[in-house]
Structures are given as structure tokens and as C-alpha cells.
Amino acid sequence: MAKGDSFRVCELSDDFGCRNTNLAFDLADHQTYFNIDSEKFIEGGCSRDELF
């Protein structure tokens, strides 16, 4: 996801019409937020607390 990308808030956690469960198991989705690699962010001296 990049700045300016559209998004949708699902009302139910198990709403298969809203979320794409095929992508939910991709580990990379949990390492990158808004095109920021979390490991490089922390290695660059930024606070881990700023990610969460």
C-alpha cells in the first residue's frame, strides 16, 4: 500500500466479500507497511515504536 492508495474497512473480520484471504498468509504483508520495510526502518536508527 502506498500513500494515496484507496482502502476499505471491513465491518466483519470474516467477511470474505471484503477481504482477500488468499493474501492474508503472505509473510511480506507483515514486514512492510505503506512501502516501508520494517527491518530497514529499524536498522536505519528509527524507533520500533514508530511502526506500531
N, C-alpha and C. Protein backbone atom coordinates (compact mmCIF):
# COMPACT_ATOMS: atom_id res chain seq x y z
N MET A 1 0.85 -1.17 0.00
CA MET A 1 0.00 0.00 0.00
C MET A 1 0.89 1.23 0.00
N ALA A 2 0.54 2.17 -0.79
CA ALA A 2 1.31 3.40 -0.90
C ALA A 2 0.44 4.60 -0.52
N LYS A 3 1.08 5.69 -0.18
CA LYS A 3 0.36 6.91 0.16
C LYS A 3 -0.59 7.27 -0.97
N GLY A 4 -1.83 7.52 -0.63
CA GLY A 4 -2.83 7.89 -1.61
C GLY A 4 -3.63 6.72 -2.15
N ASP A 5 -3.20 5.48 -1.86
CA ASP A 5 -3.95 4.30 -2.31
C ASP A 5 -5.30 4.26 -1.61
N SER A 6 -6.28 3.74 -2.31
CA SER A 6 -7.60 3.60 -1.69
C SER A 6 -7.60 2.38 -0.77
N PHE A 7 -8.50 2.38 0.19
CA PHE A 7 -8.63 1.25 1.10
C PHE A 7 -10.08 1.11 1.50
N ARG A 8 -10.37 0.00 2.11
CA ARG A 8 -11.73 -0.31 2.52
C ARG A 8 -11.69 -0.91 3.92
N VAL A 9 -12.53 -0.48 4.82
CA VAL A 9 -12.61 -1.01 6.17
C VAL A 9 -13.72 -2.06 6.19
N CYS A 10 -13.36 -3.30 6.49
CA CYS A 10 -14.34 -4.39 6.56
C CYS A 10 -15.09 -4.30 7.89
N GLU A 11 -16.38 -4.48 7.84
CA GLU A 11 -17.18 -4.41 9.07
C GLU A 11 -17.08 -5.69 9.88
N LEU A 12 -16.86 -6.81 9.23
CA LEU A 12 -16.73 -8.10 9.91
C LEU A 12 -15.37 -8.70 9.60
N SER A 13 -14.73 -9.33 10.58
CA SER A 13 -13.41 -9.91 10.35
C SER A 13 -13.44 -11.07 9.37
N ASP A 14 -14.54 -11.80 9.30
CA ASP A 14 -14.64 -12.95 8.41
C ASP A 14 -15.49 -12.67 7.18
N ASP A 15 -15.51 -11.43 6.75
CA ASP A 15 -16.29 -11.03 5.58
C ASP A 15 -15.49 -11.34 4.32
N PHE A 16 -15.73 -12.50 3.72
CA PHE A 16 -14.96 -12.92 2.56
C PHE A 16 -15.24 -12.05 1.33
N GLY A 17 -16.29 -11.29 1.33
CA GLY A 17 -16.56 -10.37 0.24
C GLY A 17 -15.75 -9.09 0.36
N CYS A 18 -15.18 -8.86 1.52
CA CYS A 18 -14.44 -7.63 1.78
C CYS A 18 -12.93 -7.84 1.75
N ARG A 19 -12.46 -8.85 2.41
CA ARG A 19 -11.02 -9.05 2.49
C ARG A 19 -10.56 -10.20 1.61
N ASN A 20 -9.34 -10.12 1.17
CA ASN A 20 -8.79 -11.14 0.28
C ASN A 20 -7.97 -12.11 1.13
N THR A 21 -8.56 -13.22 1.51
CA THR A 21 -7.89 -14.17 2.40
C THR A 21 -6.73 -14.88 1.71
N ASN A 22 -6.68 -14.90 0.39
CA ASN A 22 -5.55 -15.53 -0.29
C ASN A 22 -4.25 -14.82 0.01
N LEU A 23 -4.31 -13.52 0.23
CA LEU A 23 -3.11 -12.75 0.52
C LEU A 23 -2.81 -12.65 2.01
N ALA A 24 -3.70 -13.11 2.85
CA ALA A 24 -3.56 -12.95 4.29
C ALA A 24 -2.40 -13.76 4.87
N PHE A 25 -1.92 -14.74 4.12
CA PHE A 25 -0.87 -15.61 4.65
C PHE A 25 0.51 -15.27 4.10
N ASP A 26 0.63 -14.14 3.45
CA ASP A 26 1.91 -13.71 2.89
C ASP A 26 2.71 -12.99 3.97
N LEU A 27 3.84 -13.57 4.36
CA LEU A 27 4.67 -13.00 5.42
C LEU A 27 5.12 -11.58 5.09
N ALA A 28 5.35 -11.30 3.82
CA ALA A 28 5.80 -9.95 3.43
C ALA A 28 4.79 -8.88 3.82
N ASP A 29 3.51 -9.25 3.91
CA ASP A 29 2.49 -8.28 4.32
C ASP A 29 2.70 -7.81 5.75
N HIS A 30 3.44 -8.58 6.54
CA HIS A 30 3.65 -8.24 7.94
C HIS A 30 5.02 -7.60 8.17
N GLN A 31 5.81 -7.47 7.11
CA GLN A 31 7.14 -6.89 7.22
C GLN A 31 7.23 -5.52 6.56
N THR A 32 6.24 -5.16 5.80
CA THR A 32 6.25 -3.91 5.07
C THR A 32 4.93 -3.17 5.32
N TYR A 33 5.03 -1.91 5.69
CA TYR A 33 3.85 -1.09 5.94
C TYR A 33 3.97 0.19 5.12
N PHE A 34 3.00 0.45 4.26
CA PHE A 34 3.00 1.66 3.44
C PHE A 34 4.33 1.82 2.70
N ASN A 35 4.79 0.72 2.11
CA ASN A 35 6.05 0.67 1.34
C ASN A 35 7.28 0.97 2.18
N ILE A 36 7.20 0.77 3.49
CA ILE A 36 8.35 0.93 4.38
C ILE A 36 8.72 -0.45 4.90
N ASP A 37 9.94 -0.92 4.59
CA ASP A 37 10.43 -2.20 5.09
C ASP A 37 10.76 -2.01 6.57
N SER A 38 10.08 -2.73 7.44
CA SER A 38 10.23 -2.52 8.88
C SER A 38 11.64 -2.82 9.37
N GLU A 39 12.31 -3.84 8.82
CA GLU A 39 13.67 -4.15 9.25
C GLU A 39 14.63 -3.02 8.88
N LYS A 40 14.53 -2.50 7.66
CA LYS A 40 15.40 -1.41 7.24
C LYS A 40 15.10 -0.14 8.03
N PHE A 41 13.83 0.06 8.38
CA PHE A 41 13.42 1.21 9.16
C PHE A 41 14.12 1.19 10.52
N ILE A 42 14.11 0.03 11.17
CA ILE A 42 14.74 -0.11 12.48
C ILE A 42 16.26 -0.06 12.36
N GLU A 43 16.82 -0.75 11.35
CA GLU A 43 18.27 -0.74 11.14
C GLU A 43 18.78 0.67 10.86
N GLY A 44 17.94 1.52 10.28
CA GLY A 44 18.32 2.89 9.98
C GLY A 44 18.32 3.81 11.19
N GLY A 45 17.99 3.24 12.37
CA GLY A 45 18.03 4.01 13.60
C GLY A 45 16.69 4.56 14.04
N CYS A 46 15.64 4.24 13.32
CA CYS A 46 14.31 4.71 13.71
C CYS A 46 13.74 3.82 14.81
N SER A 47 12.93 4.39 15.63
CA SER A 47 12.37 3.67 16.77
C SER A 47 11.34 2.64 16.31
N ARG A 48 11.44 1.43 16.86
CA ARG A 48 10.48 0.37 16.57
C ARG A 48 9.07 0.81 16.97
N ASP A 49 8.94 1.64 18.01
CA ASP A 49 7.64 2.11 18.47
C ASP A 49 6.92 2.95 17.40
N GLU A 50 7.66 3.55 16.50
CA GLU A 50 7.05 4.35 15.44
C GLU A 50 6.32 3.50 14.41
N LEU A 51 6.64 2.20 14.35
CA LEU A 51 5.98 1.30 13.41
C LEU A 51 4.61 0.86 13.90
N PHE A 52 4.45 0.76 15.20
CA PHE A 52 3.23 0.17 15.75
C PHE A 52 2.37 1.17 16.45
